Amino acid sequence: MSRKFILAIDVGGTNLKAAVLDLRYAIKKKVILKTKQSCSKDGLIAAITACAKAIIDEAGLQKRDLLGLGIGLPGPVDAGKGIVHFLPNIPGWKEVKLAAILKKKLGLPVYLDNDVNLMTIAELTLGAARGFQNSLCLTLGTGVGGGIIIGGKFYRGADNAAGEIGHVPINENGPRCNCGGIACLEAYIGNERILQRARSVFRRRICLEELSLLARRKNLKACRIWLEAAERLGIALTSAVNLLNLDAIIIGGGVANAGSILFNEVKETIRRRAMKVHARHVKVFRAKLGNDAGLIGGAILVREAVAHGG
């Protein structure tokens, strides 16, 4: 049998998603696992390996049926060398040669990238970023990450690590971020930070889904929490708009499920604070491919690498 399928894995700070996709990037089988129990380096590598083997077996495939594995990770990655520099929200990772490790364990070609880079590649190829020359894609979840498209091409930066908008400082002083920085955007609007704020306000445990539901029902406390988060996000995005003169901003991830209260305030903050020409030009959209964007991007990464002899 020819190689008609691609294996993709999306590693988040909370979940590990794995899927088998066909060559049109349709998902044939998918599994989701919690990662908190195995967030050490060795534990997470073991979980990735076991998950990959399990989904191949469940899909009834052999290694010869697969072009390779594309994997997205929540932190700076050298895609060319297959090295994970570090993961801000998963401890124990520093200059890990993950592509080589997984290739040895799985017997497959392995290609790595930052998870939001893969989301960006997917949205550029099949989603909301199609047709835009200059755009920023970002995900709002456990962490806050971004991917940049300039002149219709993906921009990686000098060390293949561009796009980390979650680690742009938005204040001179503020909370310490997991990356080691101070007052990073992620330290204010990562989902755990939003939930900490919500729990202190409501004085009980609350999840993002409930917080969003309360806001839709016009609960003043919930609305205030989302408006604070949205304004901070809008401030960070204003910097990107002024710097890059963007056509579009594409926002995905779990926090984006807050919906109109988040998006309307982000748009208003950019309109109010960005330079007039820049603010008039840029459009803000919700990501089109949803939670599967990273998996689709992983499959695109593999197919393009194979096509170019990677």
Protein backbone atom coordinates (compact mmCIF):
# COMPACT_ATOMS: atom_id res chain seq x y z
CA MET A 1 0.00 0.00 0.00
CA SER A 2 1.24 3.50 -0.82
CA ARG A 3 1.65 6.04 1.93
CA LYS A 4 -1.83 7.57 2.04
CA PHE A 5 -2.02 8.80 5.62
CA ILE A 6 -0.27 11.20 8.00
CA LEU A 7 0.02 11.05 11.77
CA ALA A 8 -0.27 14.36 13.66
CA ILE A 9 0.06 15.18 17.36
CA ASP A 10 -0.76 18.49 19.07
CA VAL A 11 0.83 18.84 22.52
CA GLY A 12 -0.82 21.43 24.74
CA GLY A 13 -0.31 22.46 28.34
CA THR A 14 -3.46 20.53 29.28
CA ASN A 15 -4.21 18.02 26.49
CA LEU A 16 -2.40 15.83 24.00
CA LYS A 17 -4.34 15.36 20.76
CA ALA A 18 -3.41 12.80 18.14
CA ALA A 19 -4.99 12.06 14.77
CA VAL A 20 -4.60 10.13 11.56
CA LEU A 21 -5.37 12.27 8.51
CA ASP A 22 -5.60 11.48 4.82
CA LEU A 23 -3.74 13.38 2.11
CA ARG A 24 -6.61 15.89 1.83
CA TYR A 25 -6.16 16.65 5.54
CA ALA A 26 -9.44 15.06 6.59
CA ILE A 27 -9.23 13.53 10.06
CA LYS A 28 -9.95 9.79 10.02
CA LYS A 29 -9.37 9.04 13.69
CA LYS A 30 -8.60 11.24 16.72
CA VAL A 31 -7.88 10.78 20.42
CA ILE A 32 -7.46 13.32 23.23
CA LEU A 33 -5.49 12.62 26.41
CA LYS A 34 -4.81 14.73 29.50
CA THR A 35 -1.13 15.66 29.81
CA LYS A 36 -0.91 16.96 33.38
CA GLN A 37 -0.21 13.53 34.82
CA SER A 38 2.79 13.11 32.51
CA CYS A 39 4.16 16.63 32.24
CA SER A 40 7.77 15.68 33.01
CA LYS A 41 9.98 15.42 29.94
CA ASP A 42 10.39 11.65 30.01
CA GLY A 43 6.75 11.10 30.95
CA LEU A 44 5.46 13.26 28.14
CA ILE A 45 7.76 11.64 25.56
CA ALA A 46 6.49 8.24 26.71
CA ALA A 47 2.90 9.44 26.45
CA ILE A 48 3.46 10.82 22.94
CA THR A 49 5.07 7.56 21.86
CA ALA A 50 2.33 5.37 23.37
CA CYS A 51 -0.41 7.58 21.92
CA ALA A 52 1.12 7.46 18.44
CA LYS A 53 1.40 3.67 18.49
CA ALA A 54 -2.12 3.27 19.84
CA ILE A 55 -3.82 5.44 17.24
CA ILE A 56 -1.91 3.72 14.41
CA ASP A 57 -3.16 0.36 15.72
CA GLU A 58 -6.73 1.62 16.23
CA ALA A 59 -6.81 2.99 12.69
CA GLY A 60 -5.69 -0.42 11.40
CA LEU A 61 -2.58 1.00 9.76
CA GLN A 62 1.04 -0.05 9.39
CA LYS A 63 4.04 2.26 9.43
CA ARG A 64 4.38 1.77 5.69
CA ASP A 65 0.97 3.47 5.27
CA LEU A 66 2.21 6.72 6.85
CA LEU A 67 4.17 9.61 5.35
CA GLY A 68 5.36 10.58 8.81
CA LEU A 69 4.51 12.32 12.06
CA GLY A 70 3.96 16.08 12.40
CA ILE A 71 3.96 17.34 15.96
CA GLY A 72 3.21 20.78 17.41
CA LEU A 73 4.55 21.88 20.79
CA PRO A 74 3.68 24.89 23.00
CA GLY A 75 6.99 26.72 23.01
CA PRO A 76 10.00 27.79 20.92
CA VAL A 77 11.03 25.05 18.47
CA ASP A 78 13.79 24.88 15.87
CA ALA A 79 11.75 23.27 13.13
CA GLY A 80 14.77 22.75 10.87
CA LYS A 81 16.82 20.87 13.47
CA GLY A 82 13.92 19.15 15.25
CA ILE A 83 14.86 20.66 18.61
CA VAL A 84 12.52 21.90 21.35
CA HIS A 85 14.26 24.87 23.01
CA PHE A 86 11.92 24.88 26.03
CA LEU A 87 8.22 24.70 26.94
CA PRO A 88 7.09 27.54 29.23
CA ASN A 89 4.14 25.65 30.73
CA ILE A 90 5.63 22.13 30.82
CA PRO A 91 8.71 21.79 33.05
CA GLY A 92 11.90 19.88 32.30
CA TRP A 93 12.36 20.74 28.64
CA LYS A 94 15.57 22.38 27.45
CA GLU A 95 17.21 21.86 24.05
CA VAL A 96 15.56 18.45 23.57
CA LYS A 97 16.26 16.72 20.23
CA LEU A 98 12.69 15.46 20.11
CA ALA A 99 12.49 14.67 16.38
CA ALA A 100 15.44 12.28 16.64
CA ILE A 101 14.09 10.71 19.84
CA LEU A 102 10.65 10.05 18.37
CA LYS A 103 12.03 8.86 15.02
CA LYS A 104 14.04 6.20 16.88
CA LYS A 105 11.07 5.14 19.02
CA LEU A 106 8.46 5.11 16.26
CA GLY A 107 10.45 4.27 13.13
CA LEU A 108 8.82 7.15 11.23
CA PRO A 109 10.01 10.46 9.80
CA VAL A 110 9.22 13.12 12.42
CA TYR A 111 8.79 16.87 11.87
CA LEU A 112 8.38 19.41 14.67
CA ASP A 113 7.07 22.93 14.92
CA ASN A 114 5.54 25.31 17.40
CA ASP A 115 1.84 24.49 17.88
CA VAL A 116 0.64 27.95 16.86
CA ASN A 117 2.89 27.89 13.80
CA LEU A 118 1.01 24.77 12.74
CA MET A 119 -2.33 26.42 13.47
CA THR A 120 -1.15 29.37 11.34
CA ILE A 121 -0.08 27.12 8.47
CA ALA A 122 -3.48 25.41 8.57
CA GLU A 123 -5.45 28.68 8.67
CA LEU A 124 -3.29 30.08 5.84
CA THR A 125 -3.82 26.98 3.70
CA LEU A 126 -7.44 26.11 4.43
CA GLY A 127 -8.88 28.57 6.93
CA ALA A 128 -9.52 32.19 7.88
CA ALA A 129 -6.08 33.53 6.83
CA ARG A 130 -6.48 32.49 3.18
CA GLY A 131 -6.12 35.44 0.82
CA PHE A 132 -4.37 37.74 3.29
CA GLN A 133 -0.77 38.78 2.69
CA ASN A 134 0.10 40.02 6.18
CA SER A 135 -1.57 38.37 9.14
CA LEU A 136 -1.10 37.24 12.71
CA CYS A 137 -2.68 34.03 13.98
CA LEU A 138 -2.83 33.38 17.71
CA THR A 139 -4.27 30.86 20.11
CA LEU A 140 -5.55 31.66 23.57
CA GLY A 141 -5.41 28.68 25.89
CA THR A 142 -3.11 27.45 28.64
CA GLY A 143 -0.54 29.62 26.87
CA VAL A 144 -0.80 32.44 24.36
CA GLY A 145 1.10 31.88 21.12
CA GLY A 146 1.28 33.46 17.70
CA GLY A 147 2.31 32.82 14.12
CA ILE A 148 3.19 35.54 11.60
CA ILE A 149 2.58 35.70 7.85
CA ILE A 150 4.41 38.45 5.93
CA GLY A 151 4.02 38.91 2.19
CA GLY A 152 1.99 35.72 2.00
CA LYS A 153 4.83 33.66 3.50
CA PHE A 154 5.29 32.23 6.96
CA TYR A 155 7.83 34.23 8.99
CA ARG A 156 10.03 32.21 11.35
CA GLY A 157 12.72 34.64 12.54
CA ALA A 158 16.47 34.16 13.02
CA ASP A 159 16.14 31.10 15.29
CA ASN A 160 12.86 29.71 13.89
CA ALA A 161 11.19 31.05 17.04
CA ALA A 162 9.23 34.15 15.92
CA GLY A 163 5.63 34.85 16.86
CA GLU A 164 5.72 34.60 20.67
CA ILE A 165 3.19 37.35 21.26
CA GLY A 166 2.21 35.73 24.56
CA HIS A 167 5.60 36.76 25.90
CA VAL A 168 5.46 40.39 24.85
CA PRO A 169 5.45 42.52 28.04
CA ILE A 170 2.41 44.77 28.31
CA ASN A 171 3.44 46.55 31.52
CA GLU A 172 6.69 47.77 33.03
CA ASN A 173 5.96 45.72 36.16
CA GLY A 174 3.56 42.88 36.79
CA PRO A 175 3.21 39.15 37.48
CA ARG A 176 6.03 36.74 36.72
CA CYS A 177 5.35 34.60 33.65
CA ASN A 178 6.20 30.89 33.36
CA CYS A 179 8.75 31.81 30.68
CA GLY A 180 10.71 33.81 33.28
CA GLY A 181 9.60 37.19 31.97
CA ILE A 182 7.69 39.90 33.81
CA ALA A 183 4.24 41.21 32.86
CA CYS A 184 3.97 39.08 29.70
CA LEU A 185 0.57 39.02 28.01
CA GLU A 186 0.26 35.32 28.87
CA ALA A 187 0.66 36.13 32.58
CA TYR A 188 -2.62 38.03 32.34
CA ILE A 189 -4.79 36.12 29.86
CA GLY A 190 -3.63 32.49 29.86
CA ASN A 191 -6.67 30.44 30.84
CA GLU A 192 -5.31 29.61 34.30
CA ARG A 193 -4.76 33.32 35.01
CA ILE A 194 -8.30 34.15 33.92
CA LEU A 195 -9.65 31.36 36.12
CA GLN A 196 -7.59 32.53 39.09
CA ARG A 197 -9.17 35.95 38.67
CA ALA A 198 -12.64 34.43 38.33
CA ARG A 199 -12.23 32.26 41.43
CA SER A 200 -11.14 35.25 43.49
CA VAL A 201 -14.14 37.27 42.28
CA PHE A 202 -16.79 34.54 42.60
CA ARG A 203 -15.10 32.90 45.62
CA ARG A 204 -15.66 29.39 44.26
CA ARG A 205 -14.36 27.10 41.55
CA ILE A 206 -15.47 28.06 38.08
CA CYS A 207 -14.54 26.89 34.57
CA LEU A 208 -14.09 28.95 31.39
CA GLU A 209 -17.31 27.58 29.90
CA GLU A 210 -19.34 28.78 32.88
CA LEU A 211 -17.58 32.13 32.90
CA SER A 212 -18.46 32.60 29.22
CA LEU A 213 -22.06 31.52 29.85
CA LEU A 214 -22.41 34.00 32.71
CA ALA A 215 -21.07 36.77 30.50
CA ARG A 216 -23.60 35.92 27.77
CA ARG A 217 -26.29 36.22 30.48
CA LYS A 218 -24.94 39.71 31.30
CA ASN A 219 -23.50 38.80 34.70
CA LEU A 220 -21.56 41.95 35.58
CA LYS A 221 -18.70 40.18 37.36
CA ALA A 222 -18.14 37.76 34.48
CA CYS A 223 -18.39 40.55 31.90
CA ARG A 224 -15.81 42.61 33.79
CA ILE A 225 -13.33 39.70 33.84
CA TRP A 226 -13.67 39.09 30.09
CA LEU A 227 -13.48 42.80 29.28
CA GLU A 228 -10.26 43.15 31.29
CA ALA A 229 -8.72 40.18 29.46
CA ALA A 230 -9.89 41.45 26.08
CA GLU A 231 -8.50 44.94 26.65
CA ARG A 232 -5.09 43.54 27.57
CA LEU A 233 -5.14 41.34 24.49
CA GLY A 234 -6.17 44.34 22.41
CA ILE A 235 -3.24 46.37 23.77
CA ALA A 236 -0.76 43.65 22.78
CA LEU A 237 -2.36 43.30 19.36
CA THR A 238 -2.22 47.07 18.87
CA SER A 239 1.56 46.81 19.13
CA ALA A 240 1.57 44.09 16.46
CA VAL A 241 -0.76 46.10 14.21
CA ASN A 242 1.37 49.23 14.44
CA LEU A 243 4.61 47.28 13.94
CA LEU A 244 3.54 45.01 11.06
CA ASN A 245 0.64 46.90 9.40
CA LEU A 246 -1.42 43.71 9.35
CA ASP A 247 -4.29 42.79 7.03
CA ALA A 248 -5.84 40.34 9.45
CA ILE A 249 -5.69 38.88 12.94
CA ILE A 250 -6.99 35.33 13.39
CA ILE A 251 -7.81 34.23 16.96
CA GLY A 252 -8.41 30.66 18.11
CA GLY A 253 -8.05 28.53 21.23
CA GLY A 254 -10.26 27.82 24.23
CA VAL A 255 -10.31 31.38 25.58
CA ALA A 256 -11.62 32.57 22.19
CA ASN A 257 -14.81 30.61 22.93
CA ALA A 258 -15.85 33.57 25.11
CA GLY A 259 -17.17 34.92 21.81
CA SER A 260 -18.45 38.40 21.08
CA ILE A 261 -17.61 39.97 24.45
CA LEU A 262 -13.94 39.16 23.82
CA PHE A 263 -13.83 39.93 20.09
CA ASN A 264 -15.81 43.18 20.27
CA GLU A 265 -13.56 44.59 23.00
CA VAL A 266 -10.39 43.51 21.17
CA LYS A 267 -11.61 45.25 18.00
CA GLU A 268 -12.59 48.39 19.92
CA THR A 269 -9.23 48.53 21.74
CA ILE A 270 -7.33 48.25 18.46
CA ARG A 271 -9.56 50.89 16.85
CA ARG A 272 -9.02 53.23 19.79
CA ARG A 273 -5.30 52.72 20.36
CA ALA A 274 -3.68 51.80 17.04
CA MET A 275 -2.51 54.38 14.50
CA LYS A 276 -5.46 55.42 12.34
CA VAL A 277 -4.25 53.99 9.01
CA HIS A 278 -3.30 50.69 10.63
CA ALA A 279 -6.49 50.39 12.66
CA ARG A 280 -8.67 51.13 9.61
CA HIS A 281 -6.98 48.42 7.56
CA VAL A 282 -6.80 45.43 9.89
CA LYS A 283 -9.62 42.90 10.30
CA VAL A 284 -10.10 40.54 13.25
CA PHE A 285 -11.56 37.06 12.70
CA ARG A 286 -12.18 33.95 14.72
CA ALA A 287 -10.14 30.93 13.56
CA LYS A 288 -12.05 28.78 11.09
CA LEU A 289 -10.58 25.33 11.76
CA GLY A 290 -11.23 25.23 15.51
CA ASN A 291 -9.46 22.79 17.79
CA ASP A 292 -8.29 20.65 14.85
CA ALA A 293 -6.13 23.40 13.32
CA GLY A 294 -2.91 22.19 14.97
CA LEU A 295 -3.49 18.64 13.78
CA ILE A 296 -4.24 19.77 10.24
CA GLY A 297 -1.15 21.99 10.33
CA GLY A 298 0.93 19.01 11.48
CA ALA A 299 -0.24 17.01 8.47
CA ILE A 300 0.52 19.92 6.12
CA LEU A 301 4.00 20.18 7.66
CA VAL A 302 4.71 16.52 6.95
CA ARG A 303 3.40 16.56 3.40
CA GLU A 304 5.31 19.70 2.46
CA ALA A 305 8.53 18.39 4.04
CA VAL A 306 8.23 15.11 2.16
CA ALA A 307 7.46 16.94 -1.09
CA HIS A 308 10.65 19.00 -0.67
CA GLY A 309 12.75 15.98 0.23
CA GLY A 310 12.84 16.75 3.97
